[in-house]
Amino acid sequence: DIRVITDNDGSTAAIEKKYEGYLKNEYPKIKIHYDNDEACKTLEPQLLKANSLATLNTVLNKAFPDDAALLKHMAANKTDCALKMFDSTTAWNPPEYIANAID
């Protein structure tokens, strides 16, 4: 099976149109995974939605005062943040749509 994980980029309608055949199970071995929350357009806000500011501050070894500052940093430092998340000994949760794709 093939599992595709994608951002919704603020439009689930666009995702549903783009992957219509896959979502209608015309290709049963290919599954598309995304979150319906259009307010969380990309991975960074999805990670914050699945975790807390405090958890992500600990994982990233930072002390951001609010969500906006954290998200700005994560968007500007994608690779560094990803490496810190995978190297962290602090428990954190993947976004649900990613966890579903892995299961």
PDB file of N, CA and C in Angstrom:
ATOM      1  N   ASP A   1       0.827  -1.194   0.000  1.00  0.00           N
ATOM      2  CA  ASP A   1       0.000   0.000   0.000  1.00  0.00           C
ATOM      3  C   ASP A   1       0.868   1.252   0.000  1.00  0.00           C
ATOM      4  N   ILE A   2       0.334   2.293  -0.583  1.00  0.00           N
ATOM      5  CA  ILE A   2       1.007   3.594  -0.619  1.00  0.00           C
ATOM      6  C   ILE A   2       0.180   4.568   0.206  1.00  0.00           C
ATOM      7  N   ARG A   3       0.844   5.288   1.086  1.00  0.00           N
ATOM      8  CA  ARG A   3       0.168   6.273   1.926  1.00  0.00           C
ATOM      9  C   ARG A   3       0.771   7.640   1.652  1.00  0.00           C
ATOM     10  N   VAL A   4      -0.075   8.559   1.243  1.00  0.00           N
ATOM     11  CA  VAL A   4       0.340   9.927   0.933  1.00  0.00           C
ATOM     12  C   VAL A   4      -0.101  10.821   2.078  1.00  0.00           C
ATOM     13  N   ILE A   5       0.840  11.579   2.632  1.00  0.00           N
ATOM     14  CA  ILE A   5       0.547  12.540   3.695  1.00  0.00           C
ATOM     15  C   ILE A   5       0.719  13.930   3.098  1.00  0.00           C
ATOM     16  N   THR A   6      -0.300  14.761   3.257  1.00  0.00           N
ATOM     17  CA  THR A   6      -0.239  16.086   2.654  1.00  0.00           C
ATOM     18  C   THR A   6      -0.832  17.153   3.569  1.00  0.00           C
ATOM     19  N   ASP A   7      -0.314  18.376   3.430  1.00  0.00           N
ATOM     20  CA  ASP A   7      -0.921  19.527   4.092  1.00  0.00           C
ATOM     21  C   ASP A   7      -2.244  19.813   3.399  1.00  0.00           C
ATOM     22  N   ASN A   8      -3.160  20.476   4.107  1.00  0.00           N
ATOM     23  CA  ASN A   8      -4.402  20.870   3.451  1.00  0.00           C
ATOM     24  C   ASN A   8      -4.294  22.274   2.841  1.00  0.00           C
ATOM     25  N   ASP A   9      -3.253  23.003   3.191  1.00  0.00           N
ATOM     26  CA  ASP A   9      -2.993  24.353   2.672  1.00  0.00           C
ATOM     27  C   ASP A   9      -4.206  25.272   2.766  1.00  0.00           C
ATOM     28  N   GLY A  10      -5.072  25.012   3.735  1.00  0.00           N
ATOM     29  CA  GLY A  10      -6.215  25.877   3.983  1.00  0.00           C
ATOM     30  C   GLY A  10      -7.427  25.596   3.129  1.00  0.00           C
ATOM     31  N   SER A  11      -7.411  24.518   2.349  1.00  0.00           N
ATOM     32  CA  SER A  11      -8.563  24.201   1.497  1.00  0.00           C
ATOM     33  C   SER A  11      -8.737  22.694   1.369  1.00  0.00           C
ATOM     34  N   THR A  12      -9.621  22.153   2.176  1.00  0.00           N
ATOM     35  CA  THR A  12      -9.891  20.728   2.038  1.00  0.00           C
ATOM     36  C   THR A  12     -10.616  20.451   0.720  1.00  0.00           C
ATOM     37  N   ALA A  13     -11.364  21.424   0.220  1.00  0.00           N
ATOM     38  CA  ALA A  13     -12.036  21.249  -1.075  1.00  0.00           C
ATOM     39  C   ALA A  13     -11.009  21.028  -2.183  1.00  0.00           C
ATOM     40  N   ALA A  14      -9.907  21.757  -2.141  1.00  0.00           N
ATOM     41  CA  ALA A  14      -8.854  21.584  -3.147  1.00  0.00           C
ATOM     42  C   ALA A  14      -8.210  20.206  -3.030  1.00  0.00           C
ATOM     43  N   ILE A  15      -8.004  19.744  -1.812  1.00  0.00           N
ATOM     44  CA  ILE A  15      -7.439  18.404  -1.596  1.00  0.00           C
ATOM     45  C   ILE A  15      -8.403  17.351  -2.146  1.00  0.00           C
ATOM     46  N   GLU A  16      -9.674  17.510  -1.826  1.00  0.00           N
ATOM     47  CA  GLU A  16     -10.670  16.534  -2.269  1.00  0.00           C
ATOM     48  C   GLU A  16     -10.784  16.505  -3.796  1.00  0.00           C
ATOM     49  N   LYS A  17     -10.639  17.653  -4.432  1.00  0.00           N
ATOM     50  CA  LYS A  17     -10.678  17.708  -5.894  1.00  0.00           C
ATOM     51  C   LYS A  17      -9.420  17.069  -6.489  1.00  0.00           C
ATOM     52  N   LYS A  18      -8.270  17.449  -5.945  1.00  0.00           N
ATOM     53  CA  LYS A  18      -6.988  16.954  -6.460  1.00  0.00           C
ATOM     54  C   LYS A  18      -6.874  15.433  -6.358  1.00  0.00           C
ATOM     55  N   TYR A  19      -7.348  14.875  -5.254  1.00  0.00           N
ATOM     56  CA  TYR A  19      -7.202  13.444  -4.995  1.00  0.00           C
ATOM     57  C   TYR A  19      -8.528  12.692  -5.075  1.00  0.00           C
ATOM     58  N   GLU A  20      -9.465  13.222  -5.835  1.00  0.00           N
ATOM     59  CA  GLU A  20     -10.824  12.683  -5.893  1.00  0.00           C
ATOM     60  C   GLU A  20     -10.858  11.172  -6.132  1.00  0.00           C
ATOM     61  N   GLY A  21     -10.177  10.700  -7.125  1.00  0.00           N
ATOM     62  CA  GLY A  21     -10.190   9.271  -7.434  1.00  0.00           C
ATOM     63  C   GLY A  21      -9.633   8.417  -6.316  1.00  0.00           C
ATOM     64  N   TYR A  22      -8.631   8.922  -5.644  1.00  0.00           N
ATOM     65  CA  TYR A  22      -8.024   8.174  -4.545  1.00  0.00           C
ATOM     66  C   TYR A  22      -8.941   8.160  -3.327  1.00  0.00           C
ATOM     67  N   LEU A  23      -9.612   9.289  -3.078  1.00  0.00           N
ATOM     68  CA  LEU A  23     -10.510   9.367  -1.931  1.00  0.00           C
ATOM     69  C   LEU A  23     -11.790   8.563  -2.151  1.00  0.00           C
ATOM     70  N   LYS A  24     -12.165   8.378  -3.405  1.00  0.00           N
ATOM     71  CA  LYS A  24     -13.344   7.567  -3.722  1.00  0.00           C
ATOM     72  C   LYS A  24     -12.988   6.090  -3.856  1.00  0.00           C
ATOM     73  N   ASN A  25     -11.764   5.770  -3.486  1.00  0.00           N
ATOM     74  CA  ASN A  25     -11.287   4.383  -3.455  1.00  0.00           C
ATOM     75  C   ASN A  25     -11.206   3.738  -4.837  1.00  0.00           C
ATOM     76  N   GLU A  26     -10.994   4.560  -5.878  1.00  0.00           N
ATOM     77  CA  GLU A  26     -10.780   3.997  -7.213  1.00  0.00           C
ATOM     78  C   GLU A  26      -9.428   3.287  -7.294  1.00  0.00           C
ATOM     79  N   TYR A  27      -8.539   3.669  -6.405  1.00  0.00           N
ATOM     80  CA  TYR A  27      -7.207   3.064  -6.318  1.00  0.00           C
ATOM     81  C   TYR A  27      -7.031   2.593  -4.872  1.00  0.00           C
ATOM     82  N   PRO A  28      -7.536   1.431  -4.539  1.00  0.00           N
ATOM     83  CA  PRO A  28      -7.591   0.995  -3.137  1.00  0.00           C
ATOM     84  C   PRO A  28      -6.242   0.830  -2.452  1.00  0.00           C
ATOM     85  N   LYS A  29      -5.173   0.717  -3.204  1.00  0.00           N
ATOM     86  CA  LYS A  29      -3.855   0.562  -2.578  1.00  0.00           C
ATOM     87  C   LYS A  29      -3.194   1.910  -2.264  1.00  0.00           C
ATOM     88  N   ILE A  30      -3.850   3.009  -2.651  1.00  0.00           N
ATOM     89  CA  ILE A  30      -3.303   4.344  -2.397  1.00  0.00           C
ATOM     90  C   ILE A  30      -4.252   5.093  -1.472  1.00  0.00           C
ATOM     91  N   LYS A  31      -3.746   5.528  -0.335  1.00  0.00           N
ATOM     92  CA  LYS A  31      -4.539   6.256   0.657  1.00  0.00           C
ATOM     93  C   LYS A  31      -3.959   7.657   0.843  1.00  0.00           C
ATOM     94  N   ILE A  32      -4.838   8.640   0.896  1.00  0.00           N
ATOM     95  CA  ILE A  32      -4.444  10.036   1.094  1.00  0.00           C
ATOM     96  C   ILE A  32      -4.790  10.422   2.525  1.00  0.00           C
ATOM     97  N   HIS A  33      -3.822  10.985   3.242  1.00  0.00           N
ATOM     98  CA  HIS A  33      -4.016  11.387   4.639  1.00  0.00           C
ATOM     99  C   HIS A  33      -3.778  12.886   4.771  1.00  0.00           C
ATOM    100  N   TYR A  34      -4.780  13.576   5.325  1.00  0.00           N
ATOM    101  CA  TYR A  34      -4.687  15.012   5.593  1.00  0.00           C
ATOM    102  C   TYR A  34      -5.643  15.346   6.725  1.00  0.00           C
ATOM    103  N   ASP A  35      -5.491  16.525   7.285  1.00  0.00           N
ATOM    104  CA  ASP A  35      -6.378  16.969   8.354  1.00  0.00           C
ATOM    105  C   ASP A  35      -7.412  17.923   7.777  1.00  0.00           C
ATOM    106  N   ASN A  36      -8.636  17.837   8.240  1.00  0.00           N
ATOM    107  CA  ASN A  36      -9.720  18.695   7.761  1.00  0.00           C
ATOM    108  C   ASN A  36      -9.702  20.096   8.361  1.00  0.00           C
ATOM    109  N   ASP A  37      -8.884  20.336   9.360  1.00  0.00           N
ATOM    110  CA  ASP A  37      -8.842  21.630  10.040  1.00  0.00           C
ATOM    111  C   ASP A  37      -8.127  22.654   9.161  1.00  0.00           C
ATOM    112  N   GLU A  38      -8.896  23.471   8.452  1.00  0.00           N
ATOM    113  CA  GLU A  38      -8.318  24.440   7.526  1.00  0.00           C
ATOM    114  C   GLU A  38      -7.563  25.561   8.231  1.00  0.00           C
ATOM    115  N   ALA A  39      -7.764  25.717   9.527  1.00  0.00           N
ATOM    116  CA  ALA A  39      -7.001  26.715  10.290  1.00  0.00           C
ATOM    117  C   ALA A  39      -5.563  26.243  10.509  1.00  0.00           C
ATOM    118  N   CYS A  40      -5.358  24.950  10.438  1.00  0.00           N
ATOM    119  CA  CYS A  40      -4.026  24.356  10.581  1.00  0.00           C
ATOM    120  C   CYS A  40      -3.589  23.877   9.202  1.00  0.00           C
ATOM    121  N   LYS A  41      -3.074  24.796   8.411  1.00  0.00           N
ATOM    122  CA  LYS A  41      -2.806  24.560   6.993  1.00  0.00           C
ATOM    123  C   LYS A  41      -1.605  23.667   6.715  1.00  0.00           C
ATOM    124  N   THR A  42      -0.613  23.717   7.598  1.00  0.00           N
ATOM    125  CA  THR A  42       0.649  23.024   7.346  1.00  0.00           C
ATOM    126  C   THR A  42       1.086  22.222   8.577  1.00  0.00           C
ATOM    127  N   LEU A  43       2.213  21.562   8.450  1.00  0.00           N
ATOM    128  CA  LEU A  43       2.693  20.683   9.516  1.00  0.00           C
ATOM    129  C   LEU A  43       2.927  21.416  10.838  1.00  0.00           C
ATOM    130  N   GLU A  44       3.493  22.599  10.789  1.00  0.00           N
ATOM    131  CA  GLU A  44       3.839  23.290  12.035  1.00  0.00           C
ATOM    132  C   GLU A  44       2.616  23.538  12.928  1.00  0.00           C
ATOM    133  N   PRO A  45       1.538  24.141  12.423  1.00  0.00           N
ATOM    134  CA  PRO A  45       0.364  24.296  13.291  1.00  0.00           C
ATOM    135  C   PRO A  45      -0.285  22.955  13.662  1.00  0.00           C
ATOM    136  N   GLN A  46      -0.121  21.961  12.802  1.00  0.00           N
ATOM    137  CA  GLN A  46      -0.635  20.635  13.135  1.00  0.00           C
ATOM    138  C   GLN A  46       0.125  20.045  14.328  1.00  0.00           C
ATOM    139  N   LEU A  47       1.438  20.252  14.345  1.00  0.00           N
ATOM    140  CA  LEU A  47       2.230  19.778  15.483  1.00  0.00           C
ATOM    141  C   LEU A  47       1.826  20.488  16.768  1.00  0.00           C
ATOM    142  N   LEU A  48       1.571  21.783  16.662  1.00  0.00           N
ATOM    143  CA  LEU A  48       1.139  22.540  17.843  1.00  0.00           C
ATOM    144  C   LEU A  48      -0.242  22.077  18.301  1.00  0.00           C
ATOM    145  N   LYS A  49      -1.117  21.788  17.360  1.00  0.00           N
ATOM    146  CA  LYS A  49      -2.460  21.290  17.687  1.00  0.00           C
ATOM    147  C   LYS A  49      -2.384  19.951  18.427  1.00  0.00           C
ATOM    148  N   ALA A  50      -1.427  19.118  18.055  1.00  0.00           N
ATOM    149  CA  ALA A  50      -1.287  17.790  18.659  1.00  0.00           C
ATOM    150  C   ALA A  50      -0.502  17.809  19.967  1.00  0.00           C
ATOM    151  N   ASN A  51       0.177  18.913  20.239  1.00  0.00           N
ATOM    152  CA  ASN A  51       1.015  19.044  21.429  1.00  0.00           C
ATOM    153  C   ASN A  51       0.731  20.394  22.068  1.00  0.00           C
ATOM    154  N   SER A  52       1.443  20.733  23.103  1.00  0.00           N
ATOM    155  CA  SER A  52       1.287  22.040  23.739  1.00  0.00           C
ATOM    156  C   SER A  52       2.503  22.905  23.437  1.00  0.00           C
ATOM    157  N   LEU A  53       2.349  24.186  23.656  1.00  0.00           N
ATOM    158  CA  LEU A  53       3.477  25.113  23.536  1.00  0.00           C
ATOM    159  C   LEU A  53       4.607  24.655  24.457  1.00  0.00           C
ATOM    160  N   ALA A  54       4.266  24.269  25.677  1.00  0.00           N
ATOM    161  CA  ALA A  54       5.287  23.843  26.644  1.00  0.00           C
ATOM    162  C   ALA A  54       6.036  22.610  26.139  1.00  0.00           C
ATOM    163  N   THR A  55       5.321  21.652  25.599  1.00  0.00           N
ATOM    164  CA  THR A  55       5.974  20.441  25.088  1.00  0.00           C
ATOM    165  C   THR A  55       6.912  20.774  23.944  1.00  0.00           C
ATOM    166  N   LEU A  56       6.434  21.568  22.991  1.00  0.00           N
ATOM    167  CA  LEU A  56       7.286  21.894  21.841  1.00  0.00           C
ATOM    168  C   LEU A  56       8.466  22.768  22.253  1.00  0.00           C
ATOM    169  N   ASN A  57       8.284  23.655  23.215  1.00  0.00           N
ATOM    170  CA  ASN A  57       9.423  24.416  23.735  1.00  0.00           C
ATOM    171  C   ASN A  57      10.477  23.473  24.311  1.00  0.00           C
ATOM    172  N   THR A  58      10.036  22.472  25.045  1.00  0.00           N
ATOM    173  CA  THR A  58      10.970  21.508  25.632  1.00  0.00           C
ATOM    174  C   THR A  58      11.674  20.710  24.536  1.00  0.00           C
ATOM    175  N   VAL A  59      10.909  20.211  23.584  1.00  0.00           N
ATOM    176  CA  VAL A  59      11.476  19.414  22.498  1.00  0.00           C
ATOM    177  C   VAL A  59      12.507  20.227  21.709  1.00  0.00           C
ATOM    178  N   LEU A  60      12.181  21.495  21.443  1.00  0.00           N
ATOM    179  CA  LEU A  60      13.070  22.342  20.640  1.00  0.00           C
ATOM    180  C   LEU A  60      14.131  23.055  21.466  1.00  0.00           C
ATOM    181  N   ASN A  61      14.071  22.883  22.787  1.00  0.00           N
ATOM    182  CA  ASN A  61      15.004  23.549  23.704  1.00  0.00           C
ATOM    183  C   ASN A  61      14.935  25.067  23.535  1.00  0.00           C
ATOM    184  N   LYS A  62      13.703  25.575  23.541  1.00  0.00           N
ATOM    185  CA  LYS A  62      13.447  27.004  23.371  1.00  0.00           C
ATOM    186  C   LYS A  62      12.492  27.463  24.454  1.00  0.00           C
ATOM    187  N   ALA A  63      12.214  28.767  24.482  1.00  0.00           N
ATOM    188  CA  ALA A  63      11.270  29.318  25.453  1.00  0.00           C
ATOM    189  C   ALA A  63      10.396  30.373  24.779  1.00  0.00           C
ATOM    190  N   PHE A  64       9.670  29.967  23.766  1.00  0.00           N
ATOM    191  CA  PHE A  64       8.804  30.908  23.068  1.00  0.00           C
ATOM    192  C   PHE A  64       7.649  31.309  23.978  1.00  0.00           C
ATOM    193  N   PRO A  65       7.317  32.589  24.020  1.00  0.00           N
ATOM    194  CA  PRO A  65       6.272  33.047  24.933  1.00  0.00           C
ATOM    195  C   PRO A  65       4.851  32.731  24.463  1.00  0.00           C
ATOM    196  N   ASP A  66       4.693  32.479  23.160  1.00  0.00           N
ATOM    197  CA  ASP A  66       3.341  32.235  22.647  1.00  0.00           C
ATOM    198  C   ASP A  66       3.396  31.381  21.379  1.00  0.00           C
ATOM    199  N   ASP A  67       2.224  30.945  20.961  1.00  0.00           N
ATOM    200  CA  ASP A  67       2.117  30.076  19.788  1.00  0.00           C
ATOM    201  C   ASP A  67       2.661  30.739  18.532  1.00  0.00           C
ATOM    202  N   ALA A  68       2.366  32.024  18.350  1.00  0.00           N
ATOM    203  CA  ALA A  68       2.797  32.730  17.133  1.00  0.00           C
ATOM    204  C   ALA A  68       4.314  32.733  16.997  1.00  0.00           C
ATOM    205  N   ALA A  69       5.015  32.980  18.081  1.00  0.00           N
ATOM    206  CA  ALA A  69       6.484  33.003  18.038  1.00  0.00           C
ATOM    207  C   ALA A  69       7.030  31.610  17.737  1.00  0.00           C
ATOM    208  N   LEU A  70       6.437  30.599  18.340  1.00  0.00           N
ATOM    209  CA  LEU A  70       6.855  29.215  18.077  1.00  0.00           C
ATOM    210  C   LEU A  70       6.645  28.856  16.607  1.00  0.00           C
ATOM    211  N   LEU A  71       5.455  29.144  16.085  1.00  0.00           N
ATOM    212  CA  LEU A  71       5.140  28.789  14.700  1.00  0.00           C
ATOM    213  C   LEU A  71       6.033  29.534  13.718  1.00  0.00           C
ATOM    214  N   LYS A  72       6.344  30.779  14.011  1.00  0.00           N
ATOM    215  CA  LYS A  72       7.244  31.555  13.143  1.00  0.00           C
ATOM    216  C   LYS A  72       8.617  30.890  13.100  1.00  0.00           C
ATOM    217  N   HIS A  73       9.119  30.497  14.254  1.00  0.00           N
ATOM    218  CA  HIS A  73      10.421  29.823  14.329  1.00  0.00           C
ATOM    219  C   HIS A  73      10.394  28.492  13.585  1.00  0.00           C
ATOM    220  N   MET A  74       9.356  27.708  13.820  1.00  0.00           N
ATOM    221  CA  MET A  74       9.272  26.389  13.181  1.00  0.00           C
ATOM    222  C   MET A  74       9.210  26.514  11.660  1.00  0.00           C
ATOM    223  N   ALA A  75       8.460  27.480  11.162  1.00  0.00           N
ATOM    224  CA  ALA A  75       8.338  27.668   9.708  1.00  0.00           C
ATOM    225  C   ALA A  75       9.660  28.117   9.089  1.00  0.00           C
ATOM    226  N   ALA A  76      10.424  28.896   9.820  1.00  0.00           N
ATOM    227  CA  ALA A  76      11.699  29.412   9.302  1.00  0.00           C
ATOM    228  C   ALA A  76      12.857  28.431   9.495  1.00  0.00           C
ATOM    229  N   ASN A  77      12.656  27.418  10.316  1.00  0.00           N
ATOM    230  CA  ASN A  77      13.728  26.471  10.654  1.00  0.00           C
ATOM    231  C   ASN A  77      13.240  25.030  10.579  1.00  0.00           C
ATOM    232  N   LYS A  78      12.627  24.677   9.468  1.00  0.00           N
ATOM    233  CA  LYS A  78      11.978  23.378   9.322  1.00  0.00           C
ATOM    234  C   LYS A  78      12.915  22.194   9.570  1.00  0.00           C
ATOM    235  N   THR A  79      14.064  22.194   8.950  1.00  0.00           N
ATOM    236  CA  THR A  79      14.980  21.058   9.087  1.00  0.00           C
ATOM    237  C   THR A  79      15.507  20.948  10.503  1.00  0.00           C
ATOM    238  N   ASP A  80      15.942  22.059  11.075  1.00  0.00           N
ATOM    239  CA  ASP A  80      16.462  22.047  12.439  1.00  0.00           C
ATOM    240  C   ASP A  80      15.394  21.564  13.417  1.00  0.00           C
ATOM    241  N   CYS A  81      14.179  22.040  13.264  1.00  0.00           N
ATOM    242  CA  CYS A  81      13.093  21.615  14.149  1.00  0.00           C
ATOM    243  C   CYS A  81      12.798  20.126  13.973  1.00  0.00           C
ATOM    244  N   ALA A  82      12.769  19.665  12.740  1.00  0.00           N
ATOM    245  CA  ALA A  82      12.510  18.241  12.497  1.00  0.00           C
ATOM    246  C   ALA A  82      13.573  17.372  13.150  1.00  0.00           C
ATOM    247  N   LEU A  83      14.822  17.754  13.003  1.00  0.00           N
ATOM    248  CA  LEU A  83      15.902  16.973  13.617  1.00  0.00           C
ATOM    249  C   LEU A  83      15.789  16.969  15.135  1.00  0.00           C
ATOM    250  N   LYS A  84      15.462  18.114  15.723  1.00  0.00           N
ATOM    251  CA  LYS A  84      15.304  18.177  17.183  1.00  0.00           C
ATOM    252  C   LYS A  84      14.135  17.314  17.642  1.00  0.00           C
ATOM    253  N   MET A  85      13.066  17.288  16.863  1.00  0.00           N
ATOM    254  CA  MET A  85      11.917  16.476  17.252  1.00  0.00           C
ATOM    255  C   MET A  85      12.286  14.993  17.233  1.00  0.00           C
ATOM    256  N   PHE A  86      13.012  14.569  16.227  1.00  0.00           N
ATOM    257  CA  PHE A  86      13.363  13.158  16.131  1.00  0.00           C
ATOM    258  C   PHE A  86      14.454  12.758  17.116  1.00  0.00           C
ATOM    259  N   ASP A  87      15.276  13.703  17.528  1.00  0.00           N
ATOM    260  CA  ASP A  87      16.334  13.412  18.501  1.00  0.00           C
ATOM    261  C   ASP A  87      15.874  13.578  19.951  1.00  0.00           C
ATOM    262  N   SER A  88      14.728  14.168  20.163  1.00  0.00           N
ATOM    263  CA  SER A  88      14.266  14.492  21.514  1.00  0.00           C
ATOM    264  C   SER A  88      13.927  13.242  22.321  1.00  0.00           C
ATOM    265  N   THR A  89      14.231  13.305  23.599  1.00  0.00           N
ATOM    266  CA  THR A  89      13.808  12.252  24.521  1.00  0.00           C
ATOM    267  C   THR A  89      12.475  12.617  25.173  1.00  0.00           C
ATOM    268  N   THR A  90      11.997  13.826  24.920  1.00  0.00           N
ATOM    269  CA  THR A  90      10.692  14.260  25.419  1.00  0.00           C
ATOM    270  C   THR A  90       9.607  13.661  24.530  1.00  0.00           C
ATOM    271  N   ALA A  91       8.601  13.094  25.142  1.00  0.00           N
ATOM    272  CA  ALA A  91       7.492  12.513  24.379  1.00  0.00           C
ATOM    273  C   ALA A  91       6.669  13.618  23.719  1.00  0.00           C
ATOM    274  N   TRP A  92       6.350  13.409  22.463  1.00  0.00           N
ATOM    275  CA  TRP A  92       5.479  14.335  21.737  1.00  0.00           C
ATOM    276  C   TRP A  92       4.592  13.517  20.807  1.00  0.00           C
ATOM    277  N   ASN A  93       3.494  14.118  20.396  1.00  0.00           N
ATOM    278  CA  ASN A  93       2.500  13.413  19.582  1.00  0.00           C
ATOM    279  C   ASN A  93       2.552  13.877  18.134  1.00  0.00           C
ATOM    280  N   PRO A  94       2.506  12.944  17.196  1.00  0.00           N
ATOM    281  CA  PRO A  94       2.367  13.356  15.795  1.00  0.00           C
ATOM    282  C   PRO A  94       0.922  13.809  15.561  1.00  0.00           C
ATOM    283  N   PRO A  95       0.684  14.634  14.558  1.00  0.00           N
ATOM    284  CA  PRO A  95      -0.697  14.965  14.218  1.00  0.00           C
ATOM    285  C   PRO A  95      -1.467  13.684  13.901  1.00  0.00           C
ATOM    286  N   GLU A  96      -2.749  13.689  14.173  1.00  0.00           N
ATOM    287  CA  GLU A  96      -3.568  12.482  14.028  1.00  0.00           C
ATOM    288  C   GLU A  96      -3.526  11.905  12.616  1.00  0.00           C
ATOM    289  N   TYR A  97      -3.570  12.750  11.595  1.00  0.00           N
ATOM    290  CA  TYR A  97      -3.579  12.234  10.227  1.00  0.00           C
ATOM    291  C   TYR A  97      -2.257  11.545   9.871  1.00  0.00           C
ATOM    292  N   ILE A  98      -1.184  11.964  10.481  1.00  0.00           N
ATOM    293  CA  ILE A  98       0.108  11.290  10.258  1.00  0.00           C
ATOM    294  C   ILE A  98       0.143   9.976  11.027  1.00  0.00           C
ATOM    295  N   ALA A  99      -0.336   9.989  12.265  1.00  0.00           N
ATOM    296  CA  ALA A  99      -0.402   8.753  13.058  1.00  0.00           C
ATOM    297  C   ALA A  99      -1.271   7.721  12.351  1.00  0.00           C
ATOM    298  N   ASN A 100      -2.379   8.157  11.761  1.00  0.00           N
ATOM    299  CA  ASN A 100      -3.257   7.244  11.028  1.00  0.00           C
ATOM    300  C   ASN A 100      -2.554   6.643   9.810  1.00  0.00           C
ATOM    301  N   ALA A 101      -1.731   7.430   9.148  1.00  0.00           N
ATOM    302  CA  ALA A 101      -1.013   6.934   7.971  1.00  0.00           C
ATOM    303  C   ALA A 101       0.033   5.897   8.364  1.00  0.00           C
ATOM    304  N   ILE A 102       0.593   6.039   9.537  1.00  0.00           N
ATOM    305  CA  ILE A 102       1.637   5.134  10.014  1.00  0.00           C
ATOM    306  C   ILE A 102       1.052   3.815  10.498  1.00  0.00           C
ATOM    307  N   ASP A 103      -0.120   3.886  11.113  1.00  0.00           N
ATOM    308  CA  ASP A 103      -0.759   2.666  11.661  1.00  0.00           C
ATOM    309  C   ASP A 103      -1.143   1.685  10.593  1.00  0.00           C
TER     310      ASP A 103
END
